[in-house]
Amino acid sequence: MLKNPLRRLLRVILFFLARAALKKHRPTVVAIVGEGKTGIVREAIYSVLREHFPTRRNLEAPNAEFVLPLAVLGAREYPLTITGWLSILVKSLARLLLRPPYHHILVLEIEYTRKDVFDYFWNITEPEVLVICGETPFLSRGQTAQKIFRTKETPNLTGYLETALKVAQEFGIPKKEAQRNLQDFHLPKARIDILPAKDGGMIVDATYHYLPSSRVALEEVLEALPGRKIILSPQKEIPSNFKVHRGEIAVVTGPYRKMWTYLAKLSESPWT
């Protein structure tokens, strides 16, 4: 954990790097805020826009203090050590200086934790499109955008998909085409997922994009599953002929970008 003085310094550095990246690449920022199911709205909007434009979005832990500026900078992990942070900062600065401008759409779920953190997120992004999902007691009067949409929260996905269709039309995508893009929409992946293995066993997918899942949550899932547990991680060498047989549970941990090939290899094809 970083001490408070270091956290404050890191906030400032990430703020200026992220703002510089936004100024250089000039992405159109779509922000999803509120106390409702913002993750569903984010994924629905991302699903329809990415079929027509270069589009990025943040993924996990949108309330973690530095996830949003890291997403703006294109970082693929959330460092947990000072060395890791130094590496991320150097790489981000190098990309900022060396890569050509890349105009795209940036879909950001800005979750509320504390007012000061939310304001920090907001001041970085200054979104052009604002999507409000549920109540927003933390949204100040001046925190607005050129175009605002409100999500109708429904027991099924109807209200969320309707919002995604409205946003798509704002970007010039015909309604019928957007509806076609959303036909196969599915809910965001769970933080810890349980998948059937090709060879009769089970797989617990505990991979992550930014921050690891809660250790307590993972332990509770494993306690509920009978069988021999086999831990797979980037630190362990996994044999090329490794299989998960009946009565065995492979627990796949570590960054998703490093472990997705094992998930695809071990899982039944409909689940990959």
C-alpha atoms as a PDB file:
ATOM      1  CA  MET A   1       0.000   0.000   0.000  1.00  0.00           C
ATOM      2  CA  LEU A   2       1.188   3.496  -0.803  1.00  0.00           C
ATOM      3  CA  LYS A   3       1.532   5.986   2.023  1.00  0.00           C
ATOM      4  CA  ASN A   4      -0.631   9.139   1.873  1.00  0.00           C
ATOM      5  CA  PRO A   5       2.090  11.532   0.604  1.00  0.00           C
ATOM      6  CA  LEU A   6       2.924   9.105  -2.214  1.00  0.00           C
ATOM      7  CA  ARG A   7      -0.762   8.638  -3.042  1.00  0.00           C
ATOM      8  CA  ARG A   8      -1.230  12.400  -3.326  1.00  0.00           C
ATOM      9  CA  LEU A   9       1.830  12.676  -5.582  1.00  0.00           C
ATOM     10  CA  LEU A  10       0.619   9.783  -7.699  1.00  0.00           C
ATOM     11  CA  ARG A  11      -2.794  11.409  -8.047  1.00  0.00           C
ATOM     12  CA  VAL A  12      -1.188  14.548  -9.454  1.00  0.00           C
ATOM     13  CA  ILE A  13       1.125  12.667 -11.848  1.00  0.00           C
ATOM     14  CA  LEU A  14      -1.658  10.419 -13.164  1.00  0.00           C
ATOM     15  CA  PHE A  15      -3.978  13.408 -13.533  1.00  0.00           C
ATOM     16  CA  PHE A  16      -1.550  15.289 -15.790  1.00  0.00           C
ATOM     17  CA  LEU A  17      -0.576  12.173 -17.783  1.00  0.00           C
ATOM     18  CA  ALA A  18      -4.233  11.243 -18.352  1.00  0.00           C
ATOM     19  CA  ARG A  19      -5.197  14.800 -19.288  1.00  0.00           C
ATOM     20  CA  ALA A  20      -2.243  14.961 -21.693  1.00  0.00           C
ATOM     21  CA  ALA A  21      -3.347  11.667 -23.284  1.00  0.00           C
ATOM     22  CA  LEU A  22      -6.901  12.970 -23.712  1.00  0.00           C
ATOM     23  CA  LYS A  23      -5.614  16.211 -25.222  1.00  0.00           C
ATOM     24  CA  LYS A  24      -3.397  14.335 -27.669  1.00  0.00           C
ATOM     25  CA  HIS A  25      -5.811  11.609 -28.797  1.00  0.00           C
ATOM     26  CA  ARG A  26      -9.034  13.624 -28.370  1.00  0.00           C
ATOM     27  CA  PRO A  27     -11.311  10.635 -27.722  1.00  0.00           C
ATOM     28  CA  THR A  28     -15.035  11.152 -27.376  1.00  0.00           C
ATOM     29  CA  VAL A  29     -15.679  10.331 -23.717  1.00  0.00           C
ATOM     30  CA  VAL A  30     -18.918   8.619 -22.690  1.00  0.00           C
ATOM     31  CA  ALA A  31     -19.283   8.538 -18.891  1.00  0.00           C
ATOM     32  CA  ILE A  32     -21.729   6.252 -17.070  1.00  0.00           C
ATOM     33  CA  VAL A  33     -22.506   7.371 -13.518  1.00  0.00           C
ATOM     34  CA  GLY A  34     -25.073   6.614 -10.827  1.00  0.00           C
ATOM     35  CA  GLU A  35     -25.987   4.185  -8.086  1.00  0.00           C
ATOM     36  CA  GLY A  36     -27.705   1.792 -10.503  1.00  0.00           C
ATOM     37  CA  LYS A  37     -26.323  -1.064 -12.596  1.00  0.00           C
ATOM     38  CA  THR A  38     -23.705   1.032 -14.382  1.00  0.00           C
ATOM     39  CA  GLY A  39     -21.661  -2.026 -15.414  1.00  0.00           C
ATOM     40  CA  ILE A  40     -24.511  -3.352 -17.566  1.00  0.00           C
ATOM     41  CA  VAL A  41     -25.010   0.034 -19.232  1.00  0.00           C
ATOM     42  CA  ARG A  42     -21.261   0.355 -19.895  1.00  0.00           C
ATOM     43  CA  GLU A  43     -21.088  -3.058 -21.565  1.00  0.00           C
ATOM     44  CA  ALA A  44     -24.229  -2.485 -23.665  1.00  0.00           C
ATOM     45  CA  ILE A  45     -22.938   0.873 -24.954  1.00  0.00           C
ATOM     46  CA  TYR A  46     -19.481  -0.572 -25.594  1.00  0.00           C
ATOM     47  CA  SER A  47     -20.956  -3.573 -27.436  1.00  0.00           C
ATOM     48  CA  VAL A  48     -22.836  -1.446 -29.941  1.00  0.00           C
ATOM     49  CA  LEU A  49     -20.229   1.296 -30.475  1.00  0.00           C
ATOM     50  CA  ARG A  50     -17.251  -1.035 -31.001  1.00  0.00           C
ATOM     51  CA  GLU A  51     -18.924  -2.494 -34.111  1.00  0.00           C
ATOM     52  CA  HIS A  52     -18.629   0.904 -35.807  1.00  0.00           C
ATOM     53  CA  PHE A  53     -15.798   2.868 -34.176  1.00  0.00           C
ATOM     54  CA  PRO A  54     -12.488   2.223 -32.423  1.00  0.00           C
ATOM     55  CA  THR A  55     -13.743   1.970 -28.843  1.00  0.00           C
ATOM     56  CA  ARG A  56     -12.186   1.291 -25.438  1.00  0.00           C
ATOM     57  CA  ARG A  57     -13.688   1.016 -21.958  1.00  0.00           C
ATOM     58  CA  ASN A  58     -12.608   0.470 -18.393  1.00  0.00           C
ATOM     59  CA  LEU A  59     -13.389  -2.902 -16.898  1.00  0.00           C
ATOM     60  CA  GLU A  60     -13.101  -3.943 -13.274  1.00  0.00           C
ATOM     61  CA  ALA A  61     -13.063  -2.040 -10.002  1.00  0.00           C
ATOM     62  CA  PRO A  62     -14.270   1.329 -11.372  1.00  0.00           C
ATOM     63  CA  ASN A  63     -14.266   2.663  -7.811  1.00  0.00           C
ATOM     64  CA  ALA A  64     -10.570   1.950  -7.171  1.00  0.00           C
ATOM     65  CA  GLU A  65      -8.775   5.248  -6.852  1.00  0.00           C
ATOM     66  CA  PHE A  66      -6.495   5.053  -9.888  1.00  0.00           C
ATOM     67  CA  VAL A  67      -8.327   2.667 -12.242  1.00  0.00           C
ATOM     68  CA  LEU A  68      -9.869   5.406 -14.367  1.00  0.00           C
ATOM     69  CA  PRO A  69      -6.672   7.345 -15.191  1.00  0.00           C
ATOM     70  CA  LEU A  70      -4.961   4.000 -15.861  1.00  0.00           C
ATOM     71  CA  ALA A  71      -7.762   3.107 -18.290  1.00  0.00           C
ATOM     72  CA  VAL A  72      -7.342   6.465 -20.053  1.00  0.00           C
ATOM     73  CA  LEU A  73      -3.606   5.781 -20.357  1.00  0.00           C
ATOM     74  CA  GLY A  74      -4.216   2.281 -21.737  1.00  0.00           C
ATOM     75  CA  ALA A  75      -2.577   0.496 -18.786  1.00  0.00           C
ATOM     76  CA  ARG A  76      -3.518  -3.166 -18.522  1.00  0.00           C
ATOM     77  CA  GLU A  77      -2.911  -3.707 -14.831  1.00  0.00           C
ATOM     78  CA  TYR A  78      -3.221  -1.972 -11.475  1.00  0.00           C
ATOM     79  CA  PRO A  79       0.231  -1.902  -9.821  1.00  0.00           C
ATOM     80  CA  LEU A  80       0.431  -2.896  -6.181  1.00  0.00           C
ATOM     81  CA  THR A  81       4.061  -1.940  -5.515  1.00  0.00           C
ATOM     82  CA  ILE A  82       6.186   1.189  -5.918  1.00  0.00           C
ATOM     83  CA  THR A  83       8.291  -0.603  -8.559  1.00  0.00           C
ATOM     84  CA  GLY A  84       5.133  -1.524 -10.464  1.00  0.00           C
ATOM     85  CA  TRP A  85       3.918   2.071 -10.372  1.00  0.00           C
ATOM     86  CA  LEU A  86       7.256   3.412 -11.625  1.00  0.00           C
ATOM     87  CA  SER A  87       7.137   0.941 -14.523  1.00  0.00           C
ATOM     88  CA  ILE A  88       3.574   1.973 -15.442  1.00  0.00           C
ATOM     89  CA  LEU A  89       4.413   5.681 -15.294  1.00  0.00           C
ATOM     90  CA  VAL A  90       7.493   5.294 -17.502  1.00  0.00           C
ATOM     91  CA  LYS A  91       5.567   3.184 -20.056  1.00  0.00           C
ATOM     92  CA  SER A  92       2.670   5.649 -20.065  1.00  0.00           C
ATOM     93  CA  LEU A  93       4.996   8.588 -20.657  1.00  0.00           C
ATOM     94  CA  ALA A  94       6.783   6.718 -23.468  1.00  0.00           C
ATOM     95  CA  ARG A  95       3.455   5.888 -25.173  1.00  0.00           C
ATOM     96  CA  LEU A  96       2.367   9.486 -24.801  1.00  0.00           C
ATOM     97  CA  LEU A  97       5.517  10.773 -26.470  1.00  0.00           C
ATOM     98  CA  LEU A  98       6.023   8.122 -29.162  1.00  0.00           C
ATOM     99  CA  ARG A  99       2.614   6.945 -30.324  1.00  0.00           C
ATOM    100  CA  PRO A 100       0.711   8.908 -32.992  1.00  0.00           C
ATOM    101  CA  PRO A 101      -2.688  10.449 -32.152  1.00  0.00           C
ATOM    102  CA  TYR A 102      -5.474   7.859 -32.095  1.00  0.00           C
ATOM    103  CA  HIS A 103      -9.019   9.206 -32.152  1.00  0.00           C
ATOM    104  CA  HIS A 104     -11.501   6.796 -30.579  1.00  0.00           C
ATOM    105  CA  ILE A 105     -14.456   6.537 -28.218  1.00  0.00           C
ATOM    106  CA  LEU A 106     -13.745   5.994 -24.535  1.00  0.00           C
ATOM    107  CA  VAL A 107     -16.594   4.454 -22.520  1.00  0.00           C
ATOM    108  CA  LEU A 108     -15.940   4.967 -18.813  1.00  0.00           C
ATOM    109  CA  GLU A 109     -17.937   3.722 -15.862  1.00  0.00           C
ATOM    110  CA  ILE A 110     -17.305   6.281 -13.126  1.00  0.00           C
ATOM    111  CA  GLU A 111     -18.503   4.662  -9.927  1.00  0.00           C
ATOM    112  CA  TYR A 112     -19.000   6.611  -6.740  1.00  0.00           C
ATOM    113  CA  THR A 113     -16.862   5.908  -3.665  1.00  0.00           C
ATOM    114  CA  ARG A 114     -16.016   9.212  -2.014  1.00  0.00           C
ATOM    115  CA  LYS A 115     -16.863  12.653  -3.331  1.00  0.00           C
ATOM    116  CA  ASP A 116     -13.196  13.669  -3.647  1.00  0.00           C
ATOM    117  CA  VAL A 117     -12.353  10.530  -5.668  1.00  0.00           C
ATOM    118  CA  PHE A 118     -15.400  10.983  -7.906  1.00  0.00           C
ATOM    119  CA  ASP A 119     -14.457  14.627  -8.521  1.00  0.00           C
ATOM    120  CA  TYR A 120     -10.918  13.504  -9.340  1.00  0.00           C
ATOM    121  CA  PHE A 121     -12.305  11.074 -11.921  1.00  0.00           C
ATOM    122  CA  TRP A 122     -14.640  13.708 -13.342  1.00  0.00           C
ATOM    123  CA  ASN A 123     -11.975  16.403 -13.651  1.00  0.00           C
ATOM    124  CA  ILE A 124      -9.823  14.013 -15.669  1.00  0.00           C
ATOM    125  CA  THR A 125     -12.504  13.017 -18.168  1.00  0.00           C
ATOM    126  CA  GLU A 126     -14.860  15.998 -18.660  1.00  0.00           C
ATOM    127  CA  PRO A 127     -17.182  13.764 -20.758  1.00  0.00           C
ATOM    128  CA  GLU A 128     -19.060  14.851 -23.869  1.00  0.00           C
ATOM    129  CA  VAL A 129     -21.806  12.255 -23.268  1.00  0.00           C
ATOM    130  CA  LEU A 130     -23.201  11.539 -19.801  1.00  0.00           C
ATOM    131  CA  VAL A 131     -25.333   8.484 -19.065  1.00  0.00           C
ATOM    132  CA  ILE A 132     -27.097   8.528 -15.682  1.00  0.00           C
ATOM    133  CA  CYS A 133     -28.133   5.219 -14.165  1.00  0.00           C
ATOM    134  CA  GLY A 134     -30.136   5.494 -10.951  1.00  0.00           C
ATOM    135  CA  GLU A 135     -29.725   8.174  -8.294  1.00  0.00           C
ATOM    136  CA  THR A 136     -26.721  10.546  -8.353  1.00  0.00           C
ATOM    137  CA  PRO A 137     -26.583  12.440  -5.036  1.00  0.00           C
ATOM    138  CA  PHE A 138     -22.838  12.885  -5.570  1.00  0.00           C
ATOM    139  CA  LEU A 139     -23.153  14.660  -8.947  1.00  0.00           C
ATOM    140  CA  SER A 140     -22.594  18.395  -8.527  1.00  0.00           C
ATOM    141  CA  ARG A 141     -24.620  20.976 -10.460  1.00  0.00           C
ATOM    142  CA  GLY A 142     -21.683  21.877 -12.708  1.00  0.00           C
ATOM    143  CA  GLN A 143     -20.885  18.243 -13.548  1.00  0.00           C
ATOM    144  CA  THR A 144     -22.808  17.924 -16.778  1.00  0.00           C
ATOM    145  CA  ALA A 145     -22.208  17.191 -20.472  1.00  0.00           C
ATOM    146  CA  GLN A 146     -23.284  18.278 -23.947  1.00  0.00           C
ATOM    147  CA  LYS A 147     -25.618  15.278 -24.207  1.00  0.00           C
ATOM    148  CA  ILE A 148     -27.290  13.505 -21.275  1.00  0.00           C
ATOM    149  CA  PHE A 149     -29.185  10.201 -21.246  1.00  0.00           C
ATOM    150  CA  ARG A 150     -31.059   8.654 -18.334  1.00  0.00           C
ATOM    151  CA  THR A 151     -31.336   4.891 -18.021  1.00  0.00           C
ATOM    152  CA  LYS A 152     -34.662   3.331 -17.170  1.00  0.00           C
ATOM    153  CA  GLU A 153     -33.819   0.521 -14.761  1.00  0.00           C
ATOM    154  CA  THR A 154     -35.909  -2.586 -15.501  1.00  0.00           C
ATOM    155  CA  PRO A 155     -36.028  -6.160 -14.089  1.00  0.00           C
ATOM    156  CA  ASN A 156     -34.705  -7.444 -17.413  1.00  0.00           C
ATOM    157  CA  LEU A 157     -32.192  -5.830 -19.770  1.00  0.00           C
ATOM    158  CA  THR A 158     -34.739  -3.798 -21.758  1.00  0.00           C
ATOM    159  CA  GLY A 159     -34.088  -0.416 -20.138  1.00  0.00           C
ATOM    160  CA  TYR A 160     -30.308  -0.757 -20.372  1.00  0.00           C
ATOM    161  CA  LEU A 161     -30.392  -1.797 -24.030  1.00  0.00           C
ATOM    162  CA  GLU A 162     -32.740   1.089 -24.876  1.00  0.00           C
ATOM    163  CA  THR A 163     -30.176   3.500 -23.445  1.00  0.00           C
ATOM    164  CA  ALA A 164     -27.433   1.884 -25.523  1.00  0.00           C
ATOM    165  CA  LEU A 165     -29.603   2.300 -28.635  1.00  0.00           C
ATOM    166  CA  LYS A 166     -30.122   6.009 -27.887  1.00  0.00           C
ATOM    167  CA  VAL A 167     -26.391   6.544 -27.428  1.00  0.00           C
ATOM    168  CA  ALA A 168     -25.711   4.651 -30.665  1.00  0.00           C
ATOM    169  CA  GLN A 169     -28.134   6.893 -32.561  1.00  0.00           C
ATOM    170  CA  GLU A 170     -26.378   9.945 -31.086  1.00  0.00           C
ATOM    171  CA  PHE A 171     -23.234   8.643 -32.821  1.00  0.00           C
ATOM    172  CA  GLY A 172     -25.079   8.253 -36.134  1.00  0.00           C
ATOM    173  CA  ILE A 173     -25.675   4.492 -36.002  1.00  0.00           C
ATOM    174  CA  PRO A 174     -29.094   3.571 -37.470  1.00  0.00           C
ATOM    175  CA  LYS A 175     -31.454   2.051 -34.901  1.00  0.00           C
ATOM    176  CA  LYS A 176     -31.979  -1.228 -36.782  1.00  0.00           C
ATOM    177  CA  GLU A 177     -28.240  -1.688 -37.149  1.00  0.00           C
ATOM    178  CA  ALA A 178     -27.680  -0.994 -33.452  1.00  0.00           C
ATOM    179  CA  GLN A 179     -30.407  -3.476 -32.522  1.00  0.00           C
ATOM    180  CA  ARG A 180     -28.657  -6.075 -34.654  1.00  0.00           C
ATOM    181  CA  ASN A 181     -25.383  -5.387 -32.849  1.00  0.00           C
ATOM    182  CA  LEU A 182     -27.085  -5.969 -29.486  1.00  0.00           C
ATOM    183  CA  GLN A 183     -28.836  -9.228 -30.393  1.00  0.00           C
ATOM    184  CA  ASP A 184     -26.137 -11.346 -28.741  1.00  0.00           C
ATOM    185  CA  PHE A 185     -25.482  -9.004 -25.824  1.00  0.00           C
ATOM    186  CA  HIS A 186     -24.660 -10.803 -22.583  1.00  0.00           C
ATOM    187  CA  LEU A 187     -24.076  -9.581 -19.059  1.00  0.00           C
ATOM    188  CA  PRO A 188     -20.564  -8.590 -17.955  1.00  0.00           C
ATOM    189  CA  LYS A 189     -18.352 -11.447 -16.853  1.00  0.00           C
ATOM    190  CA  ALA A 190     -18.506 -12.222 -13.142  1.00  0.00           C
ATOM    191  CA  ARG A 191     -15.436 -11.441 -11.068  1.00  0.00           C
ATOM    192  CA  ILE A 192     -15.229 -15.137 -10.182  1.00  0.00           C
ATOM    193  CA  ASP A 193     -16.745 -17.487 -12.748  1.00  0.00           C
ATOM    194  CA  ILE A 194     -17.331 -21.248 -12.717  1.00  0.00           C
ATOM    195  CA  LEU A 195     -16.900 -23.047 -16.042  1.00  0.00           C
ATOM    196  CA  PRO A 196     -17.161 -26.702 -17.138  1.00  0.00           C
ATOM    197  CA  ALA A 197     -13.873 -28.215 -18.339  1.00  0.00           C
ATOM    198  CA  LYS A 198     -13.517 -30.221 -21.548  1.00  0.00           C
ATOM    199  CA  ASP A 199     -12.434 -33.365 -19.712  1.00  0.00           C
ATOM    200  CA  GLY A 200     -15.150 -33.560 -17.070  1.00  0.00           C
ATOM    201  CA  GLY A 201     -13.799 -31.339 -14.308  1.00  0.00           C
ATOM    202  CA  MET A 202     -14.529 -27.746 -13.410  1.00  0.00           C
ATOM    203  CA  ILE A 203     -12.701 -24.445 -13.749  1.00  0.00           C
ATOM    204  CA  VAL A 204     -12.887 -21.523 -11.351  1.00  0.00           C
ATOM    205  CA  ASP A 205     -11.958 -18.451 -13.366  1.00  0.00           C
ATOM    206  CA  ALA A 206     -10.468 -16.011 -10.848  1.00  0.00           C
ATOM    207  CA  THR A 207      -8.505 -14.009 -13.414  1.00  0.00           C
ATOM    208  CA  TYR A 208      -8.751 -10.238 -13.437  1.00  0.00           C
ATOM    209  CA  HIS A 209      -8.077  -7.173 -15.572  1.00  0.00           C
ATOM    210  CA  TYR A 210      -6.958  -4.699 -12.920  1.00  0.00           C
ATOM    211  CA  LEU A 211      -7.266  -5.927  -9.340  1.00  0.00           C
ATOM    212  CA  PRO A 212      -7.414  -9.524  -8.030  1.00  0.00           C
ATOM    213  CA  SER A 213     -10.706 -10.791  -6.678  1.00  0.00           C
ATOM    214  CA  SER A 214     -11.203 -10.738  -2.929  1.00  0.00           C
ATOM    215  CA  ARG A 215      -9.335 -13.646  -1.355  1.00  0.00           C
ATOM    216  CA  VAL A 216     -12.227 -14.218   1.045  1.00  0.00           C
ATOM    217  CA  ALA A 217     -14.709 -14.359  -1.843  1.00  0.00           C
ATOM    218  CA  LEU A 218     -12.534 -16.876  -3.692  1.00  0.00           C
ATOM    219  CA  GLU A 219     -12.149 -19.029  -0.574  1.00  0.00           C
ATOM    220  CA  GLU A 220     -15.930 -19.054  -0.088  1.00  0.00           C
ATOM    221  CA  VAL A 221     -16.450 -20.210  -3.681  1.00  0.00           C
ATOM    222  CA  LEU A 222     -13.851 -22.987  -3.336  1.00  0.00           C
ATOM    223  CA  GLU A 223     -15.316 -24.179  -0.022  1.00  0.00           C
ATOM    224  CA  ALA A 224     -18.650 -24.704  -1.753  1.00  0.00           C
ATOM    225  CA  LEU A 225     -17.134 -26.848  -4.531  1.00  0.00           C
ATOM    226  CA  PRO A 226     -16.178 -30.452  -3.705  1.00  0.00           C
ATOM    227  CA  GLY A 227     -13.132 -31.847  -5.470  1.00  0.00           C
ATOM    228  CA  ARG A 228      -9.349 -31.666  -5.654  1.00  0.00           C
ATOM    229  CA  LYS A 229      -8.237 -28.068  -6.198  1.00  0.00           C
ATOM    230  CA  ILE A 230      -5.378 -27.338  -8.614  1.00  0.00           C
ATOM    231  CA  ILE A 231      -4.086 -23.756  -8.604  1.00  0.00           C
ATOM    232  CA  LEU A 232      -2.933 -22.378 -11.974  1.00  0.00           C
ATOM    233  CA  SER A 233      -1.101 -19.048 -12.039  1.00  0.00           C
ATOM    234  CA  PRO A 234       1.463 -17.199 -14.194  1.00  0.00           C
ATOM    235  CA  GLN A 235       4.118 -18.119 -11.607  1.00  0.00           C
ATOM    236  CA  LYS A 236       3.604 -21.868 -12.124  1.00  0.00           C
ATOM    237  CA  GLU A 237       4.663 -23.813 -15.192  1.00  0.00           C
ATOM    238  CA  ILE A 238       1.616 -25.513 -16.725  1.00  0.00           C
ATOM    239  CA  PRO A 239       2.328 -28.673 -18.785  1.00  0.00           C
ATOM    240  CA  SER A 240       1.164 -28.508 -22.405  1.00  0.00           C
ATOM    241  CA  ASN A 241      -0.889 -31.708 -21.937  1.00  0.00           C
ATOM    242  CA  PHE A 242      -2.566 -30.537 -18.710  1.00  0.00           C
ATOM    243  CA  LYS A 243      -6.228 -31.558 -18.367  1.00  0.00           C
ATOM    244  CA  VAL A 244      -8.915 -31.116 -15.722  1.00  0.00           C
ATOM    245  CA  HIS A 245     -10.585 -34.475 -15.082  1.00  0.00           C
ATOM    246  CA  ARG A 246     -13.837 -35.294 -13.276  1.00  0.00           C
ATOM    247  CA  GLY A 247     -13.498 -34.623  -9.568  1.00  0.00           C
ATOM    248  CA  GLU A 248     -10.833 -31.948 -10.145  1.00  0.00           C
ATOM    249  CA  ILE A 249     -11.187 -28.171  -9.999  1.00  0.00           C
ATOM    250  CA  ALA A 250      -8.641 -25.945 -11.737  1.00  0.00           C
ATOM    251  CA  VAL A 251      -8.436 -22.519 -10.101  1.00  0.00           C
ATOM    252  CA  VAL A 252      -7.089 -20.095 -12.712  1.00  0.00           C
ATOM    253  CA  THR A 253      -5.628 -16.960 -11.145  1.00  0.00           C
ATOM    254  CA  GLY A 254      -3.575 -13.998 -12.336  1.00  0.00           C
ATOM    255  CA  PRO A 255      -4.067 -11.298 -14.993  1.00  0.00           C
ATOM    256  CA  TYR A 256      -6.571 -12.313 -17.674  1.00  0.00           C
ATOM    257  CA  ARG A 257      -4.209 -11.226 -20.475  1.00  0.00           C
ATOM    258  CA  LYS A 258      -1.694 -13.839 -19.299  1.00  0.00           C
ATOM    259  CA  MET A 259      -4.128 -16.671 -18.556  1.00  0.00           C
ATOM    260  CA  TRP A 260      -6.861 -16.452 -21.211  1.00  0.00           C
ATOM    261  CA  THR A 261      -5.136 -19.023 -23.448  1.00  0.00           C
ATOM    262  CA  TYR A 262      -5.350 -21.624 -20.660  1.00  0.00           C
ATOM    263  CA  LEU A 263      -9.015 -20.803 -20.066  1.00  0.00           C
ATOM    264  CA  ALA A 264      -9.735 -21.251 -23.770  1.00  0.00           C
ATOM    265  CA  LYS A 265      -7.775 -24.515 -23.909  1.00  0.00           C
ATOM    266  CA  LEU A 266      -9.305 -26.098 -20.794  1.00  0.00           C
ATOM    267  CA  SER A 267     -12.924 -24.887 -21.062  1.00  0.00           C
ATOM    268  CA  GLU A 268     -15.705 -26.396 -23.107  1.00  0.00           C
ATOM    269  CA  SER A 269     -15.964 -24.407 -26.329  1.00  0.00           C
ATOM    270  CA  PRO A 270     -19.369 -22.766 -25.619  1.00  0.00           C
ATOM    271  CA  TRP A 271     -17.857 -21.153 -22.508  1.00  0.00           C
ATOM    272  CA  THR A 272     -14.652 -19.690 -23.941  1.00  0.00           C
END
